[in-house]
Amino acid sequence: MKTIFFSLIFMSMLLVNSLLYAAPGGISKQQAVNIATQSYPGRVLAVKRKTDVYQVKILSDSGKVKVIRIDANSGKIESGSRDDLKPHQ
């Protein structure tokens, strides 16, 4: 009886541990798009996640393509010049 009990406890701990480490932290892809398009309006062409950074490619109304890098953990814009695209008003 004790063996079954301890086996169930152990398996439960493994399951909880794997769920905790498998869960992605930070912001979602959609949140990265929302952050990028608030500062750089336009049509989103692509979104890629590379390690801890989302790269959001945007086509502005003036025809310029800009890649905005957003920290996947904090949601802060890491790069992207506001001079290239007209900021959203």
PDB file of N, CA and C in Angstrom:
ATOM      1  N   MET A   1       0.817  -1.195   0.000  1.00  0.00           N
ATOM      2  CA  MET A   1       0.000   0.000   0.000  1.00  0.00           C
ATOM      3  C   MET A   1       0.861   1.260   0.000  1.00  0.00           C
ATOM      4  N   LYS A   2       1.921   1.263   0.863  1.00  0.00           N
ATOM      5  CA  LYS A   2       2.809   2.422   0.914  1.00  0.00           C
ATOM      6  C   LYS A   2       3.528   2.609  -0.416  1.00  0.00           C
ATOM      7  N   THR A   3       3.891   1.515  -1.049  1.00  0.00           N
ATOM      8  CA  THR A   3       4.596   1.583  -2.325  1.00  0.00           C
ATOM      9  C   THR A   3       3.737   2.256  -3.388  1.00  0.00           C
ATOM     10  N   ILE A   4       2.476   1.887  -3.453  1.00  0.00           N
ATOM     11  CA  ILE A   4       1.558   2.501  -4.420  1.00  0.00           C
ATOM     12  C   ILE A   4       1.380   3.979  -4.114  1.00  0.00           C
ATOM     13  N   PHE A   5       1.216   4.308  -2.858  1.00  0.00           N
ATOM     14  CA  PHE A   5       1.035   5.700  -2.449  1.00  0.00           C
ATOM     15  C   PHE A   5       2.249   6.552  -2.851  1.00  0.00           C
ATOM     16  N   PHE A   6       3.456   6.072  -2.520  1.00  0.00           N
ATOM     17  CA  PHE A   6       4.663   6.819  -2.847  1.00  0.00           C
ATOM     18  C   PHE A   6       4.896   6.886  -4.357  1.00  0.00           C
ATOM     19  N   SER A   7       4.509   5.848  -5.071  1.00  0.00           N
ATOM     20  CA  SER A   7       4.622   5.862  -6.532  1.00  0.00           C
ATOM     21  C   SER A   7       3.709   6.922  -7.134  1.00  0.00           C
ATOM     22  N   LEU A   8       2.489   7.004  -6.609  1.00  0.00           N
ATOM     23  CA  LEU A   8       1.556   8.027  -7.100  1.00  0.00           C
ATOM     24  C   LEU A   8       2.051   9.439  -6.786  1.00  0.00           C
ATOM     25  N   ILE A   9       2.588   9.632  -5.602  1.00  0.00           N
ATOM     26  CA  ILE A   9       3.147  10.934  -5.226  1.00  0.00           C
ATOM     27  C   ILE A   9       4.301  11.298  -6.150  1.00  0.00           C
ATOM     28  N   PHE A  10       5.190  10.351  -6.397  1.00  0.00           N
ATOM     29  CA  PHE A  10       6.342  10.593  -7.246  1.00  0.00           C
ATOM     30  C   PHE A  10       5.911  10.940  -8.669  1.00  0.00           C
ATOM     31  N   MET A  11       4.970  10.184  -9.213  1.00  0.00           N
ATOM     32  CA  MET A  11       4.487  10.453 -10.571  1.00  0.00           C
ATOM     33  C   MET A  11       3.797  11.809 -10.642  1.00  0.00           C
ATOM     34  N   SER A  12       3.059  12.185  -9.619  1.00  0.00           N
ATOM     35  CA  SER A  12       2.407  13.489  -9.581  1.00  0.00           C
ATOM     36  C   SER A  12       3.432  14.612  -9.579  1.00  0.00           C
ATOM     37  N   MET A  13       4.488  14.426  -8.808  1.00  0.00           N
ATOM     38  CA  MET A  13       5.544  15.441  -8.755  1.00  0.00           C
ATOM     39  C   MET A  13       6.232  15.575 -10.108  1.00  0.00           C
ATOM     40  N   LEU A  14       6.468  14.467 -10.785  1.00  0.00           N
ATOM     41  CA  LEU A  14       7.072  14.520 -12.118  1.00  0.00           C
ATOM     42  C   LEU A  14       6.163  15.242 -13.114  1.00  0.00           C
ATOM     43  N   LEU A  15       4.891  14.965 -13.048  1.00  0.00           N
ATOM     44  CA  LEU A  15       3.932  15.606 -13.952  1.00  0.00           C
ATOM     45  C   LEU A  15       3.891  17.110 -13.733  1.00  0.00           C
ATOM     46  N   VAL A  16       3.802  17.531 -12.485  1.00  0.00           N
ATOM     47  CA  VAL A  16       3.764  18.963 -12.171  1.00  0.00           C
ATOM     48  C   VAL A  16       5.066  19.624 -12.600  1.00  0.00           C
ATOM     49  N   ASN A  17       6.180  18.989 -12.350  1.00  0.00           N
ATOM     50  CA  ASN A  17       7.479  19.536 -12.724  1.00  0.00           C
ATOM     51  C   ASN A  17       7.579  19.712 -14.236  1.00  0.00           C
ATOM     52  N   SER A  18       7.152  18.728 -14.997  1.00  0.00           N
ATOM     53  CA  SER A  18       7.241  18.820 -16.454  1.00  0.00           C
ATOM     54  C   SER A  18       6.311  19.899 -17.001  1.00  0.00           C
ATOM     55  N   LEU A  19       5.150  20.073 -16.381  1.00  0.00           N
ATOM     56  CA  LEU A  19       4.243  21.130 -16.826  1.00  0.00           C
ATOM     57  C   LEU A  19       4.814  22.517 -16.547  1.00  0.00           C
ATOM     58  N   LEU A  20       5.467  22.668 -15.419  1.00  0.00           N
ATOM     59  CA  LEU A  20       6.060  23.960 -15.072  1.00  0.00           C
ATOM     60  C   LEU A  20       7.176  24.335 -16.034  1.00  0.00           C
ATOM     61  N   TYR A  21       8.027  23.390 -16.366  1.00  0.00           N
ATOM     62  CA  TYR A  21       9.148  23.694 -17.237  1.00  0.00           C
ATOM     63  C   TYR A  21       8.746  23.734 -18.705  1.00  0.00           C
ATOM     64  N   ALA A  22       7.660  23.117 -19.081  1.00  0.00           N
ATOM     65  CA  ALA A  22       7.218  23.134 -20.471  1.00  0.00           C
ATOM     66  C   ALA A  22       6.429  24.380 -20.798  1.00  0.00           C
ATOM     67  N   ALA A  23       5.891  25.043 -19.797  1.00  0.00           N
ATOM     68  CA  ALA A  23       5.074  26.228 -20.043  1.00  0.00           C
ATOM     69  C   ALA A  23       5.942  27.385 -20.509  1.00  0.00           C
ATOM     70  N   PRO A  24       5.599  27.987 -21.653  1.00  0.00           N
ATOM     71  CA  PRO A  24       6.388  29.118 -22.131  1.00  0.00           C
ATOM     72  C   PRO A  24       6.125  30.357 -21.279  1.00  0.00           C
ATOM     73  N   GLY A  25       7.176  31.091 -21.021  1.00  0.00           N
ATOM     74  CA  GLY A  25       7.024  32.322 -20.253  1.00  0.00           C
ATOM     75  C   GLY A  25       6.984  33.524 -21.174  1.00  0.00           C
ATOM     76  N   GLY A  26       6.619  34.642 -20.632  1.00  0.00           N
ATOM     77  CA  GLY A  26       6.638  35.879 -21.401  1.00  0.00           C
ATOM     78  C   GLY A  26       5.369  36.103 -22.185  1.00  0.00           C
ATOM     79  N   ILE A  27       5.525  36.753 -23.332  1.00  0.00           N
ATOM     80  CA  ILE A  27       4.380  37.173 -24.134  1.00  0.00           C
ATOM     81  C   ILE A  27       4.120  36.192 -25.275  1.00  0.00           C
ATOM     82  N   SER A  28       2.908  36.220 -25.788  1.00  0.00           N
ATOM     83  CA  SER A  28       2.538  35.356 -26.916  1.00  0.00           C
ATOM     84  C   SER A  28       2.901  36.040 -28.232  1.00  0.00           C
ATOM     85  N   LYS A  29       2.791  35.274 -29.302  1.00  0.00           N
ATOM     86  CA  LYS A  29       3.047  35.809 -30.634  1.00  0.00           C
ATOM     87  C   LYS A  29       2.070  36.947 -30.949  1.00  0.00           C
ATOM     88  N   GLN A  30       0.803  36.776 -30.594  1.00  0.00           N
ATOM     89  CA  GLN A  30      -0.200  37.808 -30.856  1.00  0.00           C
ATOM     90  C   GLN A  30       0.091  39.077 -30.059  1.00  0.00           C
ATOM     91  N   GLN A  31       0.552  38.922 -28.821  1.00  0.00           N
ATOM     92  CA  GLN A  31       0.905  40.092 -28.018  1.00  0.00           C
ATOM     93  C   GLN A  31       2.089  40.829 -28.644  1.00  0.00           C
ATOM     94  N   ALA A  32       3.052  40.101 -29.190  1.00  0.00           N
ATOM     95  CA  ALA A  32       4.193  40.726 -29.870  1.00  0.00           C
ATOM     96  C   ALA A  32       3.724  41.528 -31.079  1.00  0.00           C
ATOM     97  N   VAL A  33       2.789  40.966 -31.830  1.00  0.00           N
ATOM     98  CA  VAL A  33       2.234  41.676 -32.987  1.00  0.00           C
ATOM     99  C   VAL A  33       1.529  42.954 -32.538  1.00  0.00           C
ATOM    100  N   ASN A  34       0.738  42.862 -31.481  1.00  0.00           N
ATOM    101  CA  ASN A  34       0.016  44.037 -30.981  1.00  0.00           C
ATOM    102  C   ASN A  34       0.983  45.132 -30.532  1.00  0.00           C
ATOM    103  N   ILE A  35       2.039  44.755 -29.846  1.00  0.00           N
ATOM    104  CA  ILE A  35       3.032  45.725 -29.382  1.00  0.00           C
ATOM    105  C   ILE A  35       3.710  46.396 -30.578  1.00  0.00           C
ATOM    106  N   ALA A  36       4.090  45.597 -31.566  1.00  0.00           N
ATOM    107  CA  ALA A  36       4.785  46.144 -32.740  1.00  0.00           C
ATOM    108  C   ALA A  36       3.894  47.084 -33.543  1.00  0.00           C
ATOM    109  N   THR A  37       2.647  46.688 -33.757  1.00  0.00           N
ATOM    110  CA  THR A  37       1.763  47.509 -34.597  1.00  0.00           C
ATOM    111  C   THR A  37       1.266  48.762 -33.894  1.00  0.00           C
ATOM    112  N   GLN A  38       1.353  48.810 -32.572  1.00  0.00           N
ATOM    113  CA  GLN A  38       0.992  50.047 -31.876  1.00  0.00           C
ATOM    114  C   GLN A  38       2.007  51.141 -32.175  1.00  0.00           C
ATOM    115  N   SER A  39       3.280  50.772 -32.264  1.00  0.00           N
ATOM    116  CA  SER A  39       4.327  51.752 -32.542  1.00  0.00           C
ATOM    117  C   SER A  39       4.628  51.899 -34.025  1.00  0.00           C
ATOM    118  N   TYR A  40       4.405  50.833 -34.773  1.00  0.00           N
ATOM    119  CA  TYR A  40       4.705  50.823 -36.203  1.00  0.00           C
ATOM    120  C   TYR A  40       3.506  50.280 -36.972  1.00  0.00           C
ATOM    121  N   PRO A  41       2.527  51.126 -37.286  1.00  0.00           N
ATOM    122  CA  PRO A  41       1.338  50.639 -37.978  1.00  0.00           C
ATOM    123  C   PRO A  41       1.660  50.167 -39.392  1.00  0.00           C
ATOM    124  N   GLY A  42       0.905  49.201 -39.837  1.00  0.00           N
ATOM    125  CA  GLY A  42       1.085  48.662 -41.177  1.00  0.00           C
ATOM    126  C   GLY A  42       0.590  47.229 -41.220  1.00  0.00           C
ATOM    127  N   ARG A  43       0.892  46.584 -42.327  1.00  0.00           N
ATOM    128  CA  ARG A  43       0.473  45.193 -42.527  1.00  0.00           C
ATOM    129  C   ARG A  43       1.571  44.263 -42.042  1.00  0.00           C
ATOM    130  N   VAL A  44       1.208  43.334 -41.173  1.00  0.00           N
ATOM    131  CA  VAL A  44       2.175  42.368 -40.648  1.00  0.00           C
ATOM    132  C   VAL A  44       2.424  41.309 -41.718  1.00  0.00           C
ATOM    133  N   LEU A  45       3.692  41.179 -42.092  1.00  0.00           N
ATOM    134  CA  LEU A  45       4.065  40.211 -43.123  1.00  0.00           C
ATOM    135  C   LEU A  45       4.489  38.872 -42.530  1.00  0.00           C
ATOM    136  N   ALA A  46       5.170  38.919 -41.387  1.00  0.00           N
ATOM    137  CA  ALA A  46       5.654  37.676 -40.774  1.00  0.00           C
ATOM    138  C   ALA A  46       5.985  37.914 -39.309  1.00  0.00           C
ATOM    139  N   VAL A  47       5.917  36.836 -38.538  1.00  0.00           N
ATOM    140  CA  VAL A  47       6.316  36.866 -37.136  1.00  0.00           C
ATOM    141  C   VAL A  47       7.108  35.594 -36.873  1.00  0.00           C
ATOM    142  N   LYS A  48       8.320  35.767 -36.340  1.00  0.00           N
ATOM    143  CA  LYS A  48       9.162  34.615 -36.008  1.00  0.00           C
ATOM    144  C   LYS A  48       9.697  34.805 -34.599  1.00  0.00           C
ATOM    145  N   ARG A  49       9.821  33.695 -33.898  1.00  0.00           N
ATOM    146  CA  ARG A  49      10.444  33.747 -32.576  1.00  0.00           C
ATOM    147  C   ARG A  49      11.803  33.083 -32.669  1.00  0.00           C
ATOM    148  N   LYS A  50      12.822  33.828 -32.283  1.00  0.00           N
ATOM    149  CA  LYS A  50      14.184  33.311 -32.241  1.00  0.00           C
ATOM    150  C   LYS A  50      14.677  33.456 -30.819  1.00  0.00           C
ATOM    151  N   THR A  51      14.826  32.357 -30.145  1.00  0.00           N
ATOM    152  CA  THR A  51      15.172  32.278 -28.723  1.00  0.00           C
ATOM    153  C   THR A  51      14.271  33.196 -27.902  1.00  0.00           C
ATOM    154  N   ASP A  52      14.794  34.290 -27.392  1.00  0.00           N
ATOM    155  CA  ASP A  52      14.000  35.167 -26.516  1.00  0.00           C
ATOM    156  C   ASP A  52      13.541  36.442 -27.212  1.00  0.00           C
ATOM    157  N   VAL A  53      13.462  36.412 -28.540  1.00  0.00           N
ATOM    158  CA  VAL A  53      13.079  37.612 -29.296  1.00  0.00           C
ATOM    159  C   VAL A  53      12.070  37.244 -30.380  1.00  0.00           C
ATOM    160  N   TYR A  54      11.010  38.043 -30.469  1.00  0.00           N
ATOM    161  CA  TYR A  54      10.091  37.950 -31.601  1.00  0.00           C
ATOM    162  C   TYR A  54      10.554  38.943 -32.651  1.00  0.00           C
ATOM    163  N   GLN A  55      10.549  38.525 -33.907  1.00  0.00           N
ATOM    164  CA  GLN A  55      10.834  39.428 -35.010  1.00  0.00           C
ATOM    165  C   GLN A  55       9.529  39.607 -35.787  1.00  0.00           C
ATOM    166  N   VAL A  56       9.038  40.838 -35.794  1.00  0.00           N
ATOM    167  CA  VAL A  56       7.781  41.148 -36.472  1.00  0.00           C
ATOM    168  C   VAL A  56       8.110  41.995 -37.689  1.00  0.00           C
ATOM    169  N   LYS A  57       7.788  41.476 -38.867  1.00  0.00           N
ATOM    170  CA  LYS A  57       8.051  42.185 -40.118  1.00  0.00           C
ATOM    171  C   LYS A  57       6.777  42.909 -40.537  1.00  0.00           C
ATOM    172  N   ILE A  58       6.903  44.227 -40.733  1.00  0.00           N
ATOM    173  CA  ILE A  58       5.738  45.066 -41.039  1.00  0.00           C
ATOM    174  C   ILE A  58       5.983  45.844 -42.326  1.00  0.00           C
ATOM    175  N   LEU A  59       4.950  45.914 -43.166  1.00  0.00           N
ATOM    176  CA  LEU A  59       4.958  46.737 -44.374  1.00  0.00           C
ATOM    177  C   LEU A  59       4.144  47.989 -44.085  1.00  0.00           C
ATOM    178  N   SER A  60       4.798  49.151 -44.139  1.00  0.00           N
ATOM    179  CA  SER A  60       4.103  50.408 -43.836  1.00  0.00           C
ATOM    180  C   SER A  60       3.265  50.844 -45.030  1.00  0.00           C
ATOM    181  N   ASP A  61       2.400  51.822 -44.802  1.00  0.00           N
ATOM    182  CA  ASP A  61       1.569  52.365 -45.881  1.00  0.00           C
ATOM    183  C   ASP A  61       2.423  53.022 -46.960  1.00  0.00           C
ATOM    184  N   SER A  62       3.613  53.500 -46.581  1.00  0.00           N
ATOM    185  CA  SER A  62       4.504  54.146 -47.552  1.00  0.00           C
ATOM    186  C   SER A  62       5.334  53.129 -48.336  1.00  0.00           C
ATOM    187  N   GLY A  63       5.181  51.839 -48.018  1.00  0.00           N
ATOM    188  CA  GLY A  63       5.877  50.796 -48.758  1.00  0.00           C
ATOM    189  C   GLY A  63       7.191  50.351 -48.151  1.00  0.00           C
ATOM    190  N   LYS A  64       7.548  50.874 -46.984  1.00  0.00           N
ATOM    191  CA  LYS A  64       8.789  50.462 -46.329  1.00  0.00           C
ATOM    192  C   LYS A  64       8.553  49.207 -45.490  1.00  0.00           C
ATOM    193  N   VAL A  65       9.530  48.301 -45.517  1.00  0.00           N
ATOM    194  CA  VAL A  65       9.475  47.091 -44.707  1.00  0.00           C
ATOM    195  C   VAL A  65      10.387  47.294 -43.510  1.00  0.00           C
ATOM    196  N   LYS A  66       9.871  46.996 -42.344  1.00  0.00           N
ATOM    197  CA  LYS A  66      10.615  47.176 -41.110  1.00  0.00           C
ATOM    198  C   LYS A  66      10.503  45.902 -40.283  1.00  0.00           C
ATOM    199  N   VAL A  67      11.623  45.483 -39.687  1.00  0.00           N
ATOM    200  CA  VAL A  67      11.622  44.338 -38.770  1.00  0.00           C
ATOM    201  C   VAL A  67      11.777  44.892 -37.367  1.00  0.00           C
ATOM    202  N   ILE A  68      10.785  44.621 -36.537  1.00  0.00           N
ATOM    203  CA  ILE A  68      10.790  45.081 -35.157  1.00  0.00           C
ATOM    204  C   ILE A  68      11.125  43.889 -34.276  1.00  0.00           C
ATOM    205  N   ARG A  69      12.119  44.069 -33.414  1.00  0.00           N
ATOM    206  CA  ARG A  69      12.529  43.012 -32.486  1.00  0.00           C
ATOM    207  C   ARG A  69      11.923  43.310 -31.128  1.00  0.00           C
ATOM    208  N   ILE A  70      11.201  42.323 -30.581  1.00  0.00           N
ATOM    209  CA  ILE A  70      10.515  42.485 -29.301  1.00  0.00           C
ATOM    210  C   ILE A  70      10.978  41.383 -28.347  1.00  0.00           C
ATOM    211  N   ASP A  71      11.388  41.793 -27.152  1.00  0.00           N
ATOM    212  CA  ASP A  71      11.808  40.842 -26.134  1.00  0.00           C
ATOM    213  C   ASP A  71      10.631  39.944 -25.783  1.00  0.00           C
ATOM    214  N   ALA A  72      10.811  38.631 -25.926  1.00  0.00           N
ATOM    215  CA  ALA A  72       9.723  37.678 -25.712  1.00  0.00           C
ATOM    216  C   ALA A  72       9.352  37.535 -24.243  1.00  0.00           C
ATOM    217  N   ASN A  73      10.225  37.954 -23.347  1.00  0.00           N
ATOM    218  CA  ASN A  73       9.932  37.846 -21.920  1.00  0.00           C
ATOM    219  C   ASN A  73       9.248  39.095 -21.381  1.00  0.00           C
ATOM    220  N   SER A  74       9.778  40.271 -21.735  1.00  0.00           N
ATOM    221  CA  SER A  74       9.258  41.519 -21.167  1.00  0.00           C
ATOM    222  C   SER A  74       8.257  42.230 -22.067  1.00  0.00           C
ATOM    223  N   GLY A  75       8.314  41.987 -23.380  1.00  0.00           N
ATOM    224  CA  GLY A  75       7.435  42.688 -24.313  1.00  0.00           C
ATOM    225  C   GLY A  75       7.961  44.047 -24.731  1.00  0.00           C
ATOM    226  N   LYS A  76       9.191  44.362 -24.375  1.00  0.00           N
ATOM    227  CA  LYS A  76       9.780  45.655 -24.740  1.00  0.00           C
ATOM    228  C   LYS A  76      10.351  45.591 -26.150  1.00  0.00           C
ATOM    229  N   ILE A  77      10.213  46.701 -26.866  1.00  0.00           N
ATOM    230  CA  ILE A  77      10.795  46.794 -28.200  1.00  0.00           C
ATOM    231  C   ILE A  77      12.300  46.943 -28.050  1.00  0.00           C
ATOM    232  N   GLU A  78      13.047  46.028 -28.685  1.00  0.00           N
ATOM    233  CA  GLU A  78      14.510  46.061 -28.606  1.00  0.00           C
ATOM    234  C   GLU A  78      15.112  46.890 -29.725  1.00  0.00           C
ATOM    235  N   SER A  79      14.511  46.836 -30.902  1.00  0.00           N
ATOM    236  CA  SER A  79      15.026  47.625 -32.015  1.00  0.00           C
ATOM    237  C   SER A  79      13.892  47.984 -32.950  1.00  0.00           C
ATOM    238  N   GLY A  80      14.116  49.029 -33.664  1.00  0.00           N
ATOM    239  CA  GLY A  80      13.125  49.556 -34.590  1.00  0.00           C
ATOM    240  C   GLY A  80      13.140  51.061 -34.470  1.00  0.00           C
ATOM    241  N   SER A  81      13.389  51.738 -35.576  1.00  0.00           N
ATOM    242  CA  SER A  81      13.460  53.191 -35.555  1.00  0.00           C
ATOM    243  C   SER A  81      12.115  53.795 -35.877  1.00  0.00           C
ATOM    244  N   ARG A  82      11.654  54.671 -35.033  1.00  0.00           N
ATOM    245  CA  ARG A  82      10.379  55.345 -35.271  1.00  0.00           C
ATOM    246  C   ARG A  82      10.479  56.309 -36.446  1.00  0.00           C
ATOM    247  N   ASP A  83      11.683  56.625 -36.873  1.00  0.00           N
ATOM    248  CA  ASP A  83      11.848  57.520 -38.022  1.00  0.00           C
ATOM    249  C   ASP A  83      11.501  56.812 -39.329  1.00  0.00           C
ATOM    250  N   ASP A  84      11.637  55.470 -39.335  1.00  0.00           N
ATOM    251  CA  ASP A  84      11.369  54.707 -40.558  1.00  0.00           C
ATOM    252  C   ASP A  84       9.886  54.604 -40.876  1.00  0.00           C
ATOM    253  N   LEU A  85       9.082  54.501 -39.855  1.00  0.00           N
ATOM    254  CA  LEU A  85       7.643  54.368 -40.034  1.00  0.00           C
ATOM    255  C   LEU A  85       6.919  55.431 -39.233  1.00  0.00           C
ATOM    256  N   LYS A  86       5.810  55.870 -39.750  1.00  0.00           N
ATOM    257  CA  LYS A  86       5.017  56.875 -39.044  1.00  0.00           C
ATOM    258  C   LYS A  86       4.389  56.240 -37.806  1.00  0.00           C
ATOM    259  N   PRO A  87       4.605  56.804 -36.613  1.00  0.00           N
ATOM    260  CA  PRO A  87       3.996  56.249 -35.404  1.00  0.00           C
ATOM    261  C   PRO A  87       2.479  56.324 -35.454  1.00  0.00           C
ATOM    262  N   HIS A  88       1.844  55.342 -34.830  1.00  0.00           N
ATOM    263  CA  HIS A  88       0.382  55.298 -34.754  1.00  0.00           C
ATOM    264  C   HIS A  88      -0.139  56.447 -33.906  1.00  0.00           C
ATOM    265  N   GLN A  89      -1.191  57.087 -34.338  1.00  0.00           N
ATOM    266  CA  GLN A  89      -1.729  58.234 -33.609  1.00  0.00           C
ATOM    267  C   GLN A  89      -2.979  57.880 -32.894  1.00  0.00           C
TER     268      GLN A  89
END
